[in-house]
PDB file of N, CA and C in Angstrom:
ATOM      1  N   MET A   1     103.774  93.788  88.486  1.00  0.00           N
ATOM      2  CA  MET A   1     104.261  95.570  88.500  1.00  0.00           C
ATOM      3  C   MET A   1     103.277  95.523  89.333  1.00  0.00           C
ATOM      4  N   THR A   2     103.625  96.733  90.162  1.00  0.00           N
ATOM      5  CA  THR A   2     103.626  97.896  91.515  1.00  0.00           C
ATOM      6  C   THR A   2     101.950  99.724  90.546  1.00  0.00           C
ATOM      7  N   GLU A   3     101.511  99.024  90.925  1.00  0.00           N
ATOM      8  CA  GLU A   3     101.007 100.505  91.149  1.00  0.00           C
ATOM      9  C   GLU A   3     101.611 101.599  90.895  1.00  0.00           C
ATOM     10  N   ARG A   4     103.493 101.897  91.825  1.00  0.00           N
ATOM     11  CA  ARG A   4     103.860 102.789  92.166  1.00  0.00           C
ATOM     12  C   ARG A   4     105.004 101.737  91.873  1.00  0.00           C
ATOM     13  N   THR A   5     106.312 101.923  90.605  1.00  0.00           N
ATOM     14  CA  THR A   5     107.859 101.668  90.897  1.00  0.00           C
ATOM     15  C   THR A   5     108.181 101.569  91.972  1.00  0.00           C
ATOM     16  N   ALA A   6     109.116 101.082  92.758  1.00  0.00           N
ATOM     17  CA  ALA A   6     109.531 100.812  93.552  1.00  0.00           C
ATOM     18  C   ALA A   6     110.694 102.290  93.836  1.00  0.00           C
ATOM     19  N   LEU A   7     111.472 102.420  92.959  1.00  0.00           N
ATOM     20  CA  LEU A   7     112.175 104.042  92.865  1.00  0.00           C
ATOM     21  C   LEU A   7     111.479 105.255  93.212  1.00  0.00           C
ATOM     22  N   ALA A   8     109.602 105.238  92.505  1.00  0.00           N
ATOM     23  CA  ALA A   8     108.879 106.274  93.169  1.00  0.00           C
ATOM     24  C   ALA A   8     108.669 106.183  94.559  1.00  0.00           C
ATOM     25  N   ILE A   9     108.535 105.169  95.483  1.00  0.00           N
ATOM     26  CA  ILE A   9     108.330 104.742  96.315  1.00  0.00           C
ATOM     27  C   ILE A   9     110.070 105.295  97.645  1.00  0.00           C
ATOM     28  N   ALA A  10     110.899 104.971  96.615  1.00  0.00           N
ATOM     29  CA  ALA A  10     111.786 105.243  96.996  1.00  0.00           C
ATOM     30  C   ALA A  10     112.084 106.697  97.327  1.00  0.00           C
ATOM     31  N   ARG A  11     112.130 107.299  96.658  1.00  0.00           N
ATOM     32  CA  ARG A  11     112.072 108.530  96.340  1.00  0.00           C
ATOM     33  C   ARG A  11     111.300 109.890  97.062  1.00  0.00           C
ATOM     34  N   ALA A  12     110.256 109.089  97.663  1.00  0.00           N
ATOM     35  CA  ALA A  12     109.498 109.664  98.419  1.00  0.00           C
ATOM     36  C   ALA A  12     109.605 109.284  99.701  1.00  0.00           C
ATOM     37  N   TYR A  13     110.310 108.691  99.905  1.00  0.00           N
ATOM     38  CA  TYR A  13     110.451 107.462 101.421  1.00  0.00           C
ATOM     39  C   TYR A  13     111.802 108.668 102.017  1.00  0.00           C
ATOM     40  N   VAL A  14     112.574 108.565 100.663  1.00  0.00           N
ATOM     41  CA  VAL A  14     113.797 109.388 101.289  1.00  0.00           C
ATOM     42  C   VAL A  14     113.345 110.964 101.521  1.00  0.00           C
ATOM     43  N   GLU A  15     112.342 112.266 100.607  1.00  0.00           N
ATOM     44  CA  GLU A  15     112.574 112.847 100.442  1.00  0.00           C
ATOM     45  C   GLU A  15     111.009 112.919 102.181  1.00  0.00           C
ATOM     46  N   ALA A  16     110.651 111.779 102.762  1.00  0.00           N
ATOM     47  CA  ALA A  16     110.103 112.265 104.187  1.00  0.00           C
ATOM     48  C   ALA A  16     111.595 112.129 105.056  1.00  0.00           C
ATOM     49  N   ILE A  17     112.260 111.498 104.708  1.00  0.00           N
ATOM     50  CA  ILE A  17     113.170 111.096 105.509  1.00  0.00           C
ATOM     51  C   ILE A  17     114.152 112.709 105.655  1.00  0.00           C
ATOM     52  N   VAL A  18     114.258 113.672 104.778  1.00  0.00           N
ATOM     53  CA  VAL A  18     114.615 114.064 104.722  1.00  0.00           C
ATOM     54  C   VAL A  18     113.629 115.506 105.226  1.00  0.00           C
ATOM     55  N   ASN A  19     112.441 115.402 105.450  1.00  0.00           N
ATOM     56  CA  ASN A  19     111.802 116.891 105.612  1.00  0.00           C
ATOM     57  C   ASN A  19     111.215 115.809 108.079  1.00  0.00           C
ATOM     58  N   LYS A  20     111.430 115.256 107.470  1.00  0.00           N
ATOM     59  CA  LYS A  20     111.250 113.995 109.145  1.00  0.00           C
ATOM     60  C   LYS A  20     110.122 114.034 109.151  1.00  0.00           C
ATOM     61  N   ASP A  21     108.986 113.811 108.393  1.00  0.00           N
ATOM     62  CA  ASP A  21     108.023 113.587 108.253  1.00  0.00           C
ATOM     63  C   ASP A  21     107.434 111.386 108.302  1.00  0.00           C
ATOM     64  N   VAL A  22     107.519 111.643 109.314  1.00  0.00           N
ATOM     65  CA  VAL A  22     107.728 109.580 110.178  1.00  0.00           C
ATOM     66  C   VAL A  22     105.960 109.843 109.759  1.00  0.00           C
ATOM     67  N   GLU A  23     105.201 110.080 109.712  1.00  0.00           N
ATOM     68  CA  GLU A  23     103.985 110.021 108.981  1.00  0.00           C
ATOM     69  C   GLU A  23     104.080 109.243 107.361  1.00  0.00           C
ATOM     70  N   ALA A  24     104.419 110.120 106.992  1.00  0.00           N
ATOM     71  CA  ALA A  24     104.504 110.149 105.387  1.00  0.00           C
ATOM     72  C   ALA A  24     105.326 108.103 105.339  1.00  0.00           C
ATOM     73  N   ILE A  25     106.775 107.935 105.521  1.00  0.00           N
ATOM     74  CA  ILE A  25     106.833 107.215 106.000  1.00  0.00           C
ATOM     75  C   ILE A  25     106.084 106.262 106.657  1.00  0.00           C
ATOM     76  N   ILE A  26     105.784 106.350 107.073  1.00  0.00           N
ATOM     77  CA  ILE A  26     104.422 104.305 107.539  1.00  0.00           C
ATOM     78  C   ILE A  26     103.493 104.591 106.805  1.00  0.00           C
ATOM     79  N   SER A  27     103.213 105.993 106.223  1.00  0.00           N
ATOM     80  CA  SER A  27     101.850 106.103 105.180  1.00  0.00           C
ATOM     81  C   SER A  27     102.806 104.658 103.921  1.00  0.00           C
ATOM     82  N   ASN A  28     103.545 104.946 103.742  1.00  0.00           N
ATOM     83  CA  ASN A  28     104.204 103.772 102.630  1.00  0.00           C
ATOM     84  C   ASN A  28     104.951 102.968 102.483  1.00  0.00           C
ATOM     85  N   SER A  29     104.662 102.450 103.988  1.00  0.00           N
ATOM     86  CA  SER A  29     105.094 100.714 104.193  1.00  0.00           C
ATOM     87  C   SER A  29     104.146  99.899 104.591  1.00  0.00           C
ATOM     88  N   SER A  30     104.164  98.931 104.239  1.00  0.00           N
ATOM     89  CA  SER A  30     104.010  97.772 104.570  1.00  0.00           C
ATOM     90  C   SER A  30     103.395  97.188 106.455  1.00  0.00           C
ATOM     91  N   ASP A  31     101.768  96.887 106.907  1.00  0.00           N
ATOM     92  CA  ASP A  31     101.905  96.885 108.026  1.00  0.00           C
ATOM     93  C   ASP A  31     102.930  96.021 108.538  1.00  0.00           C
ATOM     94  N   ASN A  32     103.531  94.683 107.490  1.00  0.00           N
ATOM     95  CA  ASN A  32     104.260  93.719 108.542  1.00  0.00           C
ATOM     96  C   ASN A  32     105.860  94.326 108.135  1.00  0.00           C
ATOM     97  N   VAL A  33     105.956  95.584 107.675  1.00  0.00           N
ATOM     98  CA  VAL A  33     107.620  95.737 106.946  1.00  0.00           C
ATOM     99  C   VAL A  33     108.378  95.453 107.657  1.00  0.00           C
ATOM    100  N   VAL A  34     109.593  94.877 107.506  1.00  0.00           N
ATOM    101  CA  VAL A  34     110.919  94.358 108.036  1.00  0.00           C
ATOM    102  C   VAL A  34     111.920  95.421 107.804  1.00  0.00           C
ATOM    103  N   CYS A  35     112.374  96.055 108.580  1.00  0.00           N
ATOM    104  CA  CYS A  35     114.071  97.068 108.544  1.00  0.00           C
ATOM    105  C   CYS A  35     114.796  95.855 109.348  1.00  0.00           C
ATOM    106  N   ILE A  36     115.740  96.345 108.479  1.00  0.00           N
ATOM    107  CA  ILE A  36     117.363  95.224 109.235  1.00  0.00           C
ATOM    108  C   ILE A  36     118.120  96.811 109.320  1.00  0.00           C
ATOM    109  N   SER A  37     119.258  96.274 110.197  1.00  0.00           N
ATOM    110  CA  SER A  37     119.873  97.772 110.611  1.00  0.00           C
ATOM    111  C   SER A  37     120.792  97.472 110.760  1.00  0.00           C
ATOM    112  N   PRO A  38     122.136  98.278 111.904  1.00  0.00           N
ATOM    113  CA  PRO A  38     122.929  97.556 111.837  1.00  0.00           C
ATOM    114  C   PRO A  38     122.877  97.295 113.621  1.00  0.00           C
ATOM    115  N   THR A  39     122.044  98.130 114.308  1.00  0.00           N
ATOM    116  CA  THR A  39     120.900  97.847 115.148  1.00  0.00           C
ATOM    117  C   THR A  39     120.381  96.761 115.493  1.00  0.00           C
ATOM    118  N   GLY A  40     119.712  95.935 114.779  1.00  0.00           N
ATOM    119  CA  GLY A  40     119.544  94.586 114.168  1.00  0.00           C
ATOM    120  C   GLY A  40     118.164  94.365 113.815  1.00  0.00           C
ATOM    121  N   ARG A  41     116.783  93.654 113.232  1.00  0.00           N
ATOM    122  CA  ARG A  41     115.793  93.550 113.092  1.00  0.00           C
ATOM    123  C   ARG A  41     114.553  93.669 113.067  1.00  0.00           C
ATOM    124  N   ILE A  42     113.870  94.834 113.559  1.00  0.00           N
ATOM    125  CA  ILE A  42     112.639  95.312 113.733  1.00  0.00           C
ATOM    126  C   ILE A  42     111.912  94.868 112.808  1.00  0.00           C
ATOM    127  N   ALA A  43     110.493  94.712 112.848  1.00  0.00           N
ATOM    128  CA  ALA A  43     108.853  94.220 111.843  1.00  0.00           C
ATOM    129  C   ALA A  43     108.125  94.547 112.704  1.00  0.00           C
ATOM    130  N   GLY A  44     107.573  95.497 111.694  1.00  0.00           N
ATOM    131  CA  GLY A  44     106.255  95.796 111.647  1.00  0.00           C
ATOM    132  C   GLY A  44     105.748  97.463 111.274  1.00  0.00           C
ATOM    133  N   THR A  45     104.615  98.351 111.797  1.00  0.00           N
ATOM    134  CA  THR A  45     104.451  99.539 111.023  1.00  0.00           C
ATOM    135  C   THR A  45     105.086 100.417 112.609  1.00  0.00           C
ATOM    136  N   GLU A  46     104.677  99.345 114.038  1.00  0.00           N
ATOM    137  CA  GLU A  46     105.012 100.855 114.983  1.00  0.00           C
ATOM    138  C   GLU A  46     106.931 100.588 115.670  1.00  0.00           C
ATOM    139  N   ALA A  47     106.742  99.542 115.382  1.00  0.00           N
ATOM    140  CA  ALA A  47     108.646  99.406 115.397  1.00  0.00           C
ATOM    141  C   ALA A  47     108.692 100.577 114.545  1.00  0.00           C
ATOM    142  N   PHE A  48     108.975 100.428 113.154  1.00  0.00           N
ATOM    143  CA  PHE A  48     109.318 101.397 112.317  1.00  0.00           C
ATOM    144  C   PHE A  48     108.786 102.998 112.188  1.00  0.00           C
ATOM    145  N   ARG A  49     107.774 102.888 112.748  1.00  0.00           N
ATOM    146  CA  ARG A  49     107.700 104.288 113.136  1.00  0.00           C
ATOM    147  C   ARG A  49     108.932 105.067 114.607  1.00  0.00           C
ATOM    148  N   GLY A  50     109.175 103.785 115.566  1.00  0.00           N
ATOM    149  CA  GLY A  50     110.116 103.573 116.686  1.00  0.00           C
ATOM    150  C   GLY A  50     111.340 104.431 115.909  1.00  0.00           C
ATOM    151  N   PHE A  51     111.655 103.801 114.808  1.00  0.00           N
ATOM    152  CA  PHE A  51     113.073 103.911 113.948  1.00  0.00           C
ATOM    153  C   PHE A  51     112.903 105.214 114.260  1.00  0.00           C
ATOM    154  N   HIS A  52     112.334 105.227 112.701  1.00  0.00           N
ATOM    155  CA  HIS A  52     112.617 107.314 112.263  1.00  0.00           C
ATOM    156  C   HIS A  52     111.891 108.038 113.181  1.00  0.00           C
ATOM    157  N   ASP A  53     111.055 107.736 114.648  1.00  0.00           N
ATOM    158  CA  ASP A  53     111.291 108.706 115.140  1.00  0.00           C
ATOM    159  C   ASP A  53     112.355 109.121 115.887  1.00  0.00           C
ATOM    160  N   GLY A  54     112.828 108.621 116.218  1.00  0.00           N
ATOM    161  CA  GLY A  54     114.870 108.273 116.662  1.00  0.00           C
ATOM    162  C   GLY A  54     115.448 109.074 115.694  1.00  0.00           C
ATOM    163  N   PHE A  55     115.844 108.313 114.812  1.00  0.00           N
ATOM    164  CA  PHE A  55     116.052 108.979 113.740  1.00  0.00           C
ATOM    165  C   PHE A  55     116.151 110.519 113.055  1.00  0.00           C
ATOM    166  N   ALA A  56     114.619 110.822 113.447  1.00  0.00           N
ATOM    167  CA  ALA A  56     114.432 112.524 112.787  1.00  0.00           C
ATOM    168  C   ALA A  56     114.686 112.795 114.373  1.00  0.00           C
ATOM    169  N   ARG A  57     115.141 112.911 115.513  1.00  0.00           N
ATOM    170  CA  ARG A  57     115.506 113.714 116.488  1.00  0.00           C
ATOM    171  C   ARG A  57     116.832 113.923 116.068  1.00  0.00           C
ATOM    172  N   MET A  58     117.438 113.009 115.500  1.00  0.00           N
ATOM    173  CA  MET A  58     118.924 113.052 115.108  1.00  0.00           C
ATOM    174  C   MET A  58     119.337 114.068 114.330  1.00  0.00           C
ATOM    175  N   ILE A  59     118.228 114.117 113.437  1.00  0.00           N
ATOM    176  CA  ILE A  59     118.847 114.829 112.025  1.00  0.00           C
ATOM    177  C   ILE A  59     118.393 116.246 112.223  1.00  0.00           C
ATOM    178  N   LYS A  60     119.967 116.663 111.785  1.00  0.00           N
ATOM    179  CA  LYS A  60     120.393 118.464 111.669  1.00  0.00           C
ATOM    180  C   LYS A  60     120.172 118.215 109.888  1.00  0.00           C
ATOM    181  N   LYS A  61     121.026 117.360 109.801  1.00  0.00           N
ATOM    182  CA  LYS A  61     120.369 117.155 107.423  1.00  0.00           C
ATOM    183  C   LYS A  61     120.830 116.348 106.632  1.00  0.00           C
ATOM    184  N   ILE A  62     119.875 116.051 105.632  1.00  0.00           N
ATOM    185  CA  ILE A  62     120.018 114.806 105.475  1.00  0.00           C
ATOM    186  C   ILE A  62     120.489 115.419 103.990  1.00  0.00           C
ATOM    187  N   THR A  63     121.512 115.206 102.686  1.00  0.00           N
ATOM    188  CA  THR A  63     121.777 115.083 101.392  1.00  0.00           C
ATOM    189  C   THR A  63     121.537 114.031 100.533  1.00  0.00           C
ATOM    190  N   VAL A  64     120.582 113.333  99.685  1.00  0.00           N
ATOM    191  CA  VAL A  64     120.274 113.034  98.937  1.00  0.00           C
ATOM    192  C   VAL A  64     121.578 113.159  97.957  1.00  0.00           C
ATOM    193  N   LEU A  65     122.172 111.543  98.107  1.00  0.00           N
ATOM    194  CA  LEU A  65     123.493 111.678  96.820  1.00  0.00           C
ATOM    195  C   LEU A  65     123.192 109.891  95.752  1.00  0.00           C
ATOM    196  N   ALA A  66     122.149 110.113  95.523  1.00  0.00           N
ATOM    197  CA  ALA A  66     121.456 109.122  94.586  1.00  0.00           C
ATOM    198  C   ALA A  66     120.632 108.268  94.754  1.00  0.00           C
ATOM    199  N   THR A  67     119.686 107.813  94.036  1.00  0.00           N
ATOM    200  CA  THR A  67     118.304 107.003  93.681  1.00  0.00           C
ATOM    201  C   THR A  67     118.311 106.122  93.118  1.00  0.00           C
ATOM    202  N   TYR A  68     118.400 104.949  92.760  1.00  0.00           N
ATOM    203  CA  TYR A  68     118.663 103.543  91.792  1.00  0.00           C
ATOM    204  C   TYR A  68     117.606 103.187  91.662  1.00  0.00           C
ATOM    205  N   GLY A  69     116.673 102.756  91.388  1.00  0.00           N
ATOM    206  CA  GLY A  69     116.136 101.116  90.872  1.00  0.00           C
ATOM    207  C   GLY A  69     115.055 100.381  89.735  1.00  0.00           C
ATOM    208  N   ASP A  70     113.643  99.956  90.059  1.00  0.00           N
ATOM    209  CA  ASP A  70     113.524  99.507  89.035  1.00  0.00           C
ATOM    210  C   ASP A  70     111.458  99.958  89.574  1.00  0.00           C
ATOM    211  N   ASP A  71     111.053  98.711  89.207  1.00  0.00           N
ATOM    212  CA  ASP A  71     109.835  98.343  89.915  1.00  0.00           C
ATOM    213  C   ASP A  71     109.600  97.800  91.375  1.00  0.00           C
ATOM    214  N   GLU A  72     110.011  96.545  90.901  1.00  0.00           N
ATOM    215  CA  GLU A  72     110.532  95.794  92.375  1.00  0.00           C
ATOM    216  C   GLU A  72     111.240  96.379  93.708  1.00  0.00           C
ATOM    217  N   GLN A  73     112.686  97.149  93.126  1.00  0.00           N
ATOM    218  CA  GLN A  73     113.395  97.196  94.259  1.00  0.00           C
ATOM    219  C   GLN A  73     114.122  98.122  94.010  1.00  0.00           C
ATOM    220  N   ALA A  74     115.044  99.259  95.280  1.00  0.00           N
ATOM    221  CA  ALA A  74     115.540 100.452  95.020  1.00  0.00           C
ATOM    222  C   ALA A  74     116.788 100.823  95.670  1.00  0.00           C
ATOM    223  N   VAL A  75     117.056 101.220  95.679  1.00  0.00           N
ATOM    224  CA  VAL A  75     118.674 101.969  96.873  1.00  0.00           C
ATOM    225  C   VAL A  75     118.782 103.586  96.649  1.00  0.00           C
ATOM    226  N   ILE A  76     118.494 104.052  97.942  1.00  0.00           N
ATOM    227  CA  ILE A  76     118.380 104.721  97.994  1.00  0.00           C
ATOM    228  C   ILE A  76     120.283 105.290  98.445  1.00  0.00           C
ATOM    229  N   VAL A  77     121.040 106.317  98.332  1.00  0.00           N
ATOM    230  CA  VAL A  77     122.447 106.743  98.864  1.00  0.00           C
ATOM    231  C   VAL A  77     122.043 107.892  99.467  1.00  0.00           C
ATOM    232  N   TYR A  78     122.544 108.335 100.971  1.00  0.00           N
ATOM    233  CA  TYR A  78     122.057 109.648 101.350  1.00  0.00           C
ATOM    234  C   TYR A  78     123.689 109.820 102.446  1.00  0.00           C
ATOM    235  N   ASN A  79     123.904 111.630 102.095  1.00  0.00           N
ATOM    236  CA  ASN A  79     124.364 111.550 103.935  1.00  0.00           C
ATOM    237  C   ASN A  79     124.293 112.574 105.155  1.00  0.00           C
ATOM    238  N   ALA A  80     123.970 111.405 105.744  1.00  0.00           N
ATOM    239  CA  ALA A  80     123.478 112.015 107.415  1.00  0.00           C
ATOM    240  C   ALA A  80     123.744 112.587 108.065  1.00  0.00           C
ATOM    241  N   GLU A  81     123.893 114.422 108.253  1.00  0.00           N
ATOM    242  CA  GLU A  81     124.333 115.169 109.777  1.00  0.00           C
ATOM    243  C   GLU A  81     123.953 115.039 111.021  1.00  0.00           C
ATOM    244  N   THR A  82     123.677 114.027 111.889  1.00  0.00           N
ATOM    245  CA  THR A  82     123.011 113.974 112.470  1.00  0.00           C
ATOM    246  C   THR A  82     123.831 114.568 113.935  1.00  0.00           C
ATOM    247  N   HIS A  83     122.744 114.842 115.233  1.00  0.00           N
ATOM    248  CA  HIS A  83     123.557 115.546 116.413  1.00  0.00           C
ATOM    249  C   HIS A  83     124.920 114.775 117.023  1.00  0.00           C
ATOM    250  N   PRO A  84     124.710 113.096 116.902  1.00  0.00           N
ATOM    251  CA  PRO A  84     125.785 112.809 117.561  1.00  0.00           C
ATOM    252  C   PRO A  84     127.150 112.352 116.247  1.00  0.00           C
ATOM    253  N   VAL A  85     126.539 112.379 115.359  1.00  0.00           N
ATOM    254  CA  VAL A  85     127.497 112.009 114.221  1.00  0.00           C
ATOM    255  C   VAL A  85     127.315 113.115 112.759  1.00  0.00           C
ATOM    256  N   PRO A  86     128.633 113.855 113.324  1.00  0.00           N
ATOM    257  CA  PRO A  86     128.570 114.880 111.402  1.00  0.00           C
ATOM    258  C   PRO A  86     128.482 114.486 110.392  1.00  0.00           C
ATOM    259  N   ASN A  87     128.663 113.291 110.074  1.00  0.00           N
ATOM    260  CA  ASN A  87     128.854 113.022 108.324  1.00  0.00           C
ATOM    261  C   ASN A  87     128.632 111.135 108.619  1.00  0.00           C
ATOM    262  N   SER A  88     127.390 110.933 107.927  1.00  0.00           N
ATOM    263  CA  SER A  88     127.435 109.542 107.725  1.00  0.00           C
ATOM    264  C   SER A  88     127.054 108.712 106.237  1.00  0.00           C
ATOM    265  N   ILE A  89     127.598 108.212 105.314  1.00  0.00           N
ATOM    266  CA  ILE A  89     126.874 107.981 104.150  1.00  0.00           C
ATOM    267  C   ILE A  89     126.173 106.888 104.603  1.00  0.00           C
ATOM    268  N   VAL A  90     124.779 106.314 104.477  1.00  0.00           N
ATOM    269  CA  VAL A  90     124.166 105.532 104.740  1.00  0.00           C
ATOM    270  C   VAL A  90     123.087 104.880 103.220  1.00  0.00           C
ATOM    271  N   ALA A  91     123.123 104.010 102.752  1.00  0.00           N
ATOM    272  CA  ALA A  91     122.743 102.736 102.376  1.00  0.00           C
ATOM    273  C   ALA A  91     121.516 102.097 102.245  1.00  0.00           C
ATOM    274  N   GLU A  92     119.893 102.285 101.514  1.00  0.00           N
ATOM    275  CA  GLU A  92     119.231 101.420 101.832  1.00  0.00           C
ATOM    276  C   GLU A  92     118.521 100.920 100.991  1.00  0.00           C
ATOM    277  N   LEU A  93     118.286  99.526 100.987  1.00  0.00           N
ATOM    278  CA  LEU A  93     118.697  98.626  99.910  1.00  0.00           C
ATOM    279  C   LEU A  93     116.479  98.530 100.260  1.00  0.00           C
ATOM    280  N   ILE A  94     115.520  99.064  99.235  1.00  0.00           N
ATOM    281  CA  ILE A  94     114.068  98.783  99.483  1.00  0.00           C
ATOM    282  C   ILE A  94     113.648  98.345  98.820  1.00  0.00           C
ATOM    283  N   LYS A  95     113.091  97.284  99.109  1.00  0.00           N
ATOM    284  CA  LYS A  95     111.537  96.172  98.539  1.00  0.00           C
ATOM    285  C   LYS A  95     110.651  96.891  98.764  1.00  0.00           C
ATOM    286  N   VAL A  96     109.623  96.801  97.396  1.00  0.00           N
ATOM    287  CA  VAL A  96     108.438  96.660  97.336  1.00  0.00           C
ATOM    288  C   VAL A  96     107.406  95.740  96.943  1.00  0.00           C
ATOM    289  N   LYS A  97     106.555  95.695  97.898  1.00  0.00           N
ATOM    290  CA  LYS A  97     105.070  94.672  97.025  1.00  0.00           C
ATOM    291  C   LYS A  97     103.794  94.985  97.098  1.00  0.00           C
ATOM    292  N   SER A  98     103.007  95.267  96.689  1.00  0.00           N
ATOM    293  CA  SER A  98     101.771  95.765  96.588  1.00  0.00           C
ATOM    294  C   SER A  98     102.374  97.248  96.693  1.00  0.00           C
ATOM    295  N   GLY A  99     102.858  97.864  96.325  1.00  0.00           N
ATOM    296  CA  GLY A  99     102.994  99.142  96.307  1.00  0.00           C
ATOM    297  C   GLY A  99     103.185 100.034  97.106  1.00  0.00           C
ATOM    298  N   LYS A 100     103.760  99.271  98.397  1.00  0.00           N
ATOM    299  CA  LYS A 100     104.167 100.178  99.857  1.00  0.00           C
ATOM    300  C   LYS A 100     105.755  99.512  99.949  1.00  0.00           C
ATOM    301  N   ILE A 101     106.043  99.159 100.765  1.00  0.00           N
ATOM    302  CA  ILE A 101     108.170  99.227 101.310  1.00  0.00           C
ATOM    303  C   ILE A 101     106.672  98.026 102.408  1.00  0.00           C
ATOM    304  N   ALA A 102     107.879  96.518 101.264  1.00  0.00           N
ATOM    305  CA  ALA A 102     108.324  95.939 102.317  1.00  0.00           C
ATOM    306  C   ALA A 102     109.163  95.435 102.719  1.00  0.00           C
ATOM    307  N   SER A 103     110.357  95.809 102.785  1.00  0.00           N
ATOM    308  CA  SER A 103     111.585  94.924 103.555  1.00  0.00           C
ATOM    309  C   SER A 103     112.479  96.646 103.014  1.00  0.00           C
ATOM    310  N   THR A 104     113.282  96.982 104.003  1.00  0.00           N
ATOM    311  CA  THR A 104     114.605  97.732 103.537  1.00  0.00           C
ATOM    312  C   THR A 104     115.205  97.404 104.917  1.00  0.00           C
ATOM    313  N   GLU A 105     116.571  97.602 104.081  1.00  0.00           N
ATOM    314  CA  GLU A 105     117.971  96.695 104.793  1.00  0.00           C
ATOM    315  C   GLU A 105     119.197  98.342 104.449  1.00  0.00           C
ATOM    316  N   VAL A 106     119.146  98.638 105.836  1.00  0.00           N
ATOM    317  CA  VAL A 106     119.788  99.765 106.055  1.00  0.00           C
ATOM    318  C   VAL A 106     121.259  99.825 106.577  1.00  0.00           C
ATOM    319  N   ILE A 107     122.092 100.554 105.295  1.00  0.00           N
ATOM    320  CA  ILE A 107     124.225  99.967 105.868  1.00  0.00           C
ATOM    321  C   ILE A 107     124.328 101.508 105.896  1.00  0.00           C
ATOM    322  N   TYR A 108     125.372 101.413 106.874  1.00  0.00           N
ATOM    323  CA  TYR A 108     125.857 102.663 107.049  1.00  0.00           C
ATOM    324  C   TYR A 108     127.269 102.116 108.673  1.00  0.00           C
ATOM    325  N   ASP A 109     127.740 102.926 108.973  1.00  0.00           N
ATOM    326  CA  ASP A 109     129.329 102.593 109.839  1.00  0.00           C
ATOM    327  C   ASP A 109     128.628 102.934 111.216  1.00  0.00           C
ATOM    328  N   ALA A 110     127.967 101.846 112.031  1.00  0.00           N
ATOM    329  CA  ALA A 110     127.784 101.919 113.336  1.00  0.00           C
ATOM    330  C   ALA A 110     128.975 103.112 113.820  1.00  0.00           C
ATOM    331  N   THR A 111     129.920 102.306 114.357  1.00  0.00           N
ATOM    332  CA  THR A 111     130.524 102.386 114.712  1.00  0.00           C
ATOM    333  C   THR A 111     131.097 103.967 115.541  1.00  0.00           C
ATOM    334  N   ARG A 112     130.925 104.773 114.790  1.00  0.00           N
ATOM    335  CA  ARG A 112     131.368 106.143 115.220  1.00  0.00           C
ATOM    336  C   ARG A 112     129.415 106.607 115.900  1.00  0.00           C
ATOM    337  N   PHE A 113     128.431 106.046 115.691  1.00  0.00           N
ATOM    338  CA  PHE A 113     127.581 106.264 116.509  1.00  0.00           C
ATOM    339  C   PHE A 113     127.343 105.513 117.968  1.00  0.00           C
ATOM    340  N   ALA A 114     127.922 104.249 118.000  1.00  0.00           N
ATOM    341  CA  ALA A 114     128.623 103.061 119.487  1.00  0.00           C
ATOM    342  C   ALA A 114     129.028 104.493 120.152  1.00  0.00           C
ATOM    343  N   ALA A 115     130.119 104.643 119.802  1.00  0.00           N
ATOM    344  CA  ALA A 115     130.969 105.621 120.540  1.00  0.00           C
ATOM    345  C   ALA A 115     130.847 107.022 121.432  1.00  0.00           C
ATOM    346  N   TYR A 116     129.653 107.253 120.842  1.00  0.00           N
ATOM    347  CA  TYR A 116     128.859 108.728 120.820  1.00  0.00           C
ATOM    348  C   TYR A 116     128.365 107.918 121.428  1.00  0.00           C
ATOM    349  N   MET A 117     127.275 106.754 122.055  1.00  0.00           N
ATOM    350  CA  MET A 117     126.378 106.322 123.382  1.00  0.00           C
ATOM    351  C   MET A 117     127.522 105.923 123.780  1.00  0.00           C
ATOM    352  N   ALA A 118     128.090 105.570 124.594  1.00  0.00           N
ATOM    353  CA  ALA A 118     129.372 105.063 125.236  1.00  0.00           C
ATOM    354  C   ALA A 118     129.218 106.766 126.031  1.00  0.00           C
ATOM    355  N   THR A 119     129.635 107.629 125.392  1.00  0.00           N
ATOM    356  CA  THR A 119     129.713 108.705 126.593  1.00  0.00           C
ATOM    357  C   THR A 119     128.599 109.692 126.984  1.00  0.00           C
ATOM    358  N   VAL A 120     126.844 108.569 126.810  1.00  0.00           N
ATOM    359  CA  VAL A 120     125.927 109.572 126.508  1.00  0.00           C
ATOM    360  C   VAL A 120     125.681 108.362 129.056  1.00  0.00           C
ATOM    361  N   GLN A 121     125.172 109.975 129.429  1.00  0.00           N
ATOM    362  CA  GLN A 121     125.285 109.146 130.568  1.00  0.00           C
ATOM    363  C   GLN A 121     123.200 108.751 130.706  1.00  0.00           C
ATOM    364  N   PRO A 122     123.214 108.438 131.238  1.00  0.00           N
ATOM    365  CA  PRO A 122     121.617 107.507 131.511  1.00  0.00           C
ATOM    366  C   PRO A 122     120.835 108.108 131.762  1.00  0.00           C
ATOM    367  N   HIS A 123     119.646 107.928 131.549  1.00  0.00           N
ATOM    368  CA  HIS A 123     118.610 109.750 132.045  1.00  0.00           C
ATOM    369  C   HIS A 123     118.253 109.127 133.985  1.00  0.00           C
TER     370      HIS A 123
END
């Protein structure tokens, strides 16, 4: 049993996403957090910070649709309204160890984001 359940940690995590509070996301994550998403696999807090910094800059609005979980893992589902894609349903499977996010698997349709990136001119 963890100090806080995975569900409680997942709710705090998604609240931090809603508020674009990257520091709160990192404070709830283990030092060796792993994030797997359509963009690839990253590990460690600095890479996870970069992932969420980039996402926070894109966010217009996040609407939480559901949170489910138990002591060790949770699932959050939300609608992300972002600058490049106006409506994207995202699901994350969050696994918790020792009261911190150990890993998250982010699931969304990346094709619309890729289509947008193909239109962006490099700096």
